[in-house]
N, C-alpha and C. Protein backbone atom coordinates (compact mmCIF):
# COMPACT_ATOMS: atom_id res chain seq x y z
N MET A 1 -58.55 -24.17 -31.08
CA MET A 1 -58.48 -22.95 -30.28
C MET A 1 -59.83 -22.60 -29.74
N ASP A 2 -60.91 -23.03 -30.37
CA ASP A 2 -62.23 -22.67 -29.87
C ASP A 2 -62.45 -23.29 -28.51
N LEU A 3 -61.87 -24.50 -28.27
CA LEU A 3 -62.04 -25.18 -26.99
C LEU A 3 -61.35 -24.36 -25.86
N PHE A 4 -60.17 -23.84 -26.16
CA PHE A 4 -59.45 -23.04 -25.20
C PHE A 4 -60.16 -21.71 -24.90
N LYS A 5 -60.70 -21.12 -25.95
CA LYS A 5 -61.50 -19.89 -25.78
C LYS A 5 -62.70 -20.17 -24.93
N MET A 6 -63.37 -21.23 -25.13
CA MET A 6 -64.56 -21.57 -24.39
C MET A 6 -64.15 -21.77 -22.90
N LEU A 7 -63.07 -22.51 -22.66
CA LEU A 7 -62.66 -22.84 -21.29
C LEU A 7 -62.17 -21.57 -20.56
N ALA A 8 -61.56 -20.67 -21.32
CA ALA A 8 -61.09 -19.40 -20.72
C ALA A 8 -62.21 -18.44 -20.38
N ASN A 9 -63.36 -18.57 -21.02
CA ASN A 9 -64.51 -17.71 -20.75
C ASN A 9 -65.52 -18.31 -19.83
N ASP A 10 -65.38 -19.58 -19.50
CA ASP A 10 -66.33 -20.31 -18.64
C ASP A 10 -66.11 -20.08 -17.16
N PRO A 11 -67.04 -19.42 -16.46
CA PRO A 11 -66.80 -19.12 -15.09
C PRO A 11 -66.62 -20.33 -14.17
N VAL A 12 -67.17 -21.45 -14.57
CA VAL A 12 -67.03 -22.67 -13.75
C VAL A 12 -65.55 -23.09 -13.76
N VAL A 13 -64.99 -23.05 -14.95
CA VAL A 13 -63.54 -23.42 -15.09
C VAL A 13 -62.65 -22.42 -14.32
N MET A 14 -63.01 -21.14 -14.41
CA MET A 14 -62.21 -20.17 -13.70
C MET A 14 -62.26 -20.36 -12.20
N PHE A 15 -63.42 -20.68 -11.65
CA PHE A 15 -63.55 -20.95 -10.24
C PHE A 15 -62.85 -22.23 -9.79
N ALA A 16 -62.92 -23.21 -10.70
CA ALA A 16 -62.18 -24.45 -10.42
C ALA A 16 -60.67 -24.21 -10.36
N PHE A 17 -60.13 -23.54 -11.36
CA PHE A 17 -58.68 -23.27 -11.36
C PHE A 17 -58.30 -22.34 -10.24
N GLY A 18 -59.12 -21.35 -9.90
CA GLY A 18 -58.90 -20.46 -8.78
C GLY A 18 -58.87 -21.23 -7.46
N GLY A 19 -59.80 -22.15 -7.29
CA GLY A 19 -59.88 -22.94 -6.08
C GLY A 19 -58.72 -23.84 -5.94
N MET A 20 -58.27 -24.45 -7.10
CA MET A 20 -57.11 -25.30 -7.02
C MET A 20 -55.79 -24.52 -6.73
N ALA A 21 -55.73 -23.28 -7.25
CA ALA A 21 -54.59 -22.43 -7.05
C ALA A 21 -54.52 -22.04 -5.53
N ILE A 22 -55.62 -21.68 -4.90
CA ILE A 22 -55.67 -21.39 -3.49
C ILE A 22 -55.29 -22.59 -2.66
N MET A 23 -55.81 -23.76 -3.02
CA MET A 23 -55.50 -25.03 -2.32
C MET A 23 -54.01 -25.36 -2.37
N MET A 24 -53.43 -25.24 -3.56
CA MET A 24 -51.94 -25.48 -3.70
C MET A 24 -51.16 -24.46 -2.91
N GLY A 25 -51.59 -23.25 -2.82
CA GLY A 25 -50.94 -22.22 -2.06
C GLY A 25 -50.95 -22.52 -0.55
N ILE A 26 -52.14 -23.02 -0.08
CA ILE A 26 -52.21 -23.39 1.35
C ILE A 26 -51.34 -24.65 1.59
N CYS A 27 -51.35 -25.59 0.67
CA CYS A 27 -50.52 -26.83 0.87
C CYS A 27 -49.08 -26.42 0.83
N ALA A 28 -48.63 -25.56 0.01
CA ALA A 28 -47.21 -25.13 -0.02
C ALA A 28 -46.86 -24.42 1.26
N TYR A 29 -47.75 -23.62 1.81
CA TYR A 29 -47.44 -22.91 3.01
C TYR A 29 -47.24 -23.91 4.15
N TYR A 30 -48.14 -24.93 4.26
CA TYR A 30 -47.98 -25.90 5.29
C TYR A 30 -46.76 -26.77 5.17
N VAL A 31 -46.38 -27.08 3.95
CA VAL A 31 -45.11 -27.84 3.74
C VAL A 31 -43.97 -27.02 4.26
N TYR A 32 -43.92 -25.72 3.91
CA TYR A 32 -42.85 -24.77 4.35
C TYR A 32 -42.86 -24.70 5.84
N TYR A 33 -44.03 -24.52 6.39
CA TYR A 33 -44.24 -24.32 7.89
C TYR A 33 -43.68 -25.56 8.62
N PHE A 34 -44.05 -26.77 8.24
CA PHE A 34 -43.65 -27.96 8.93
C PHE A 34 -42.13 -28.24 8.71
N ILE A 35 -41.65 -28.05 7.52
CA ILE A 35 -40.16 -28.25 7.35
C ILE A 35 -39.37 -27.26 8.13
N LYS A 36 -39.86 -26.02 8.19
CA LYS A 36 -39.12 -24.98 8.96
C LYS A 36 -39.09 -25.42 10.43
N HIS A 37 -40.18 -25.82 10.96
CA HIS A 37 -40.22 -26.20 12.38
C HIS A 37 -39.51 -27.47 12.71
N ILE A 38 -39.50 -28.46 11.81
CA ILE A 38 -38.74 -29.64 11.97
C ILE A 38 -37.23 -29.33 12.01
N ASN A 39 -36.78 -28.44 11.12
CA ASN A 39 -35.38 -28.08 11.09
C ASN A 39 -34.95 -27.32 12.34
N GLU A 40 -35.85 -26.50 12.85
CA GLU A 40 -35.59 -25.76 14.13
C GLU A 40 -35.52 -26.66 15.31
N ASP A 41 -36.26 -27.78 15.33
CA ASP A 41 -36.29 -28.69 16.44
C ASP A 41 -35.00 -29.53 16.45
N LYS A 42 -34.42 -29.67 15.32
CA LYS A 42 -33.12 -30.52 15.24
C LYS A 42 -31.94 -29.74 15.76
N LYS A 43 -32.06 -28.41 15.77
CA LYS A 43 -30.89 -27.57 16.17
C LYS A 43 -30.79 -27.52 17.70
């Protein structure tokens, strides 16, 4: 448990997870955007 407490309080880990979360959000948006436009072009 001490390892998890250390990781939870480490700002470097927080910034890394925050950056990955933002990157995954941007990737998910682009996947949605391209799939939506591909489906609209088929109609």
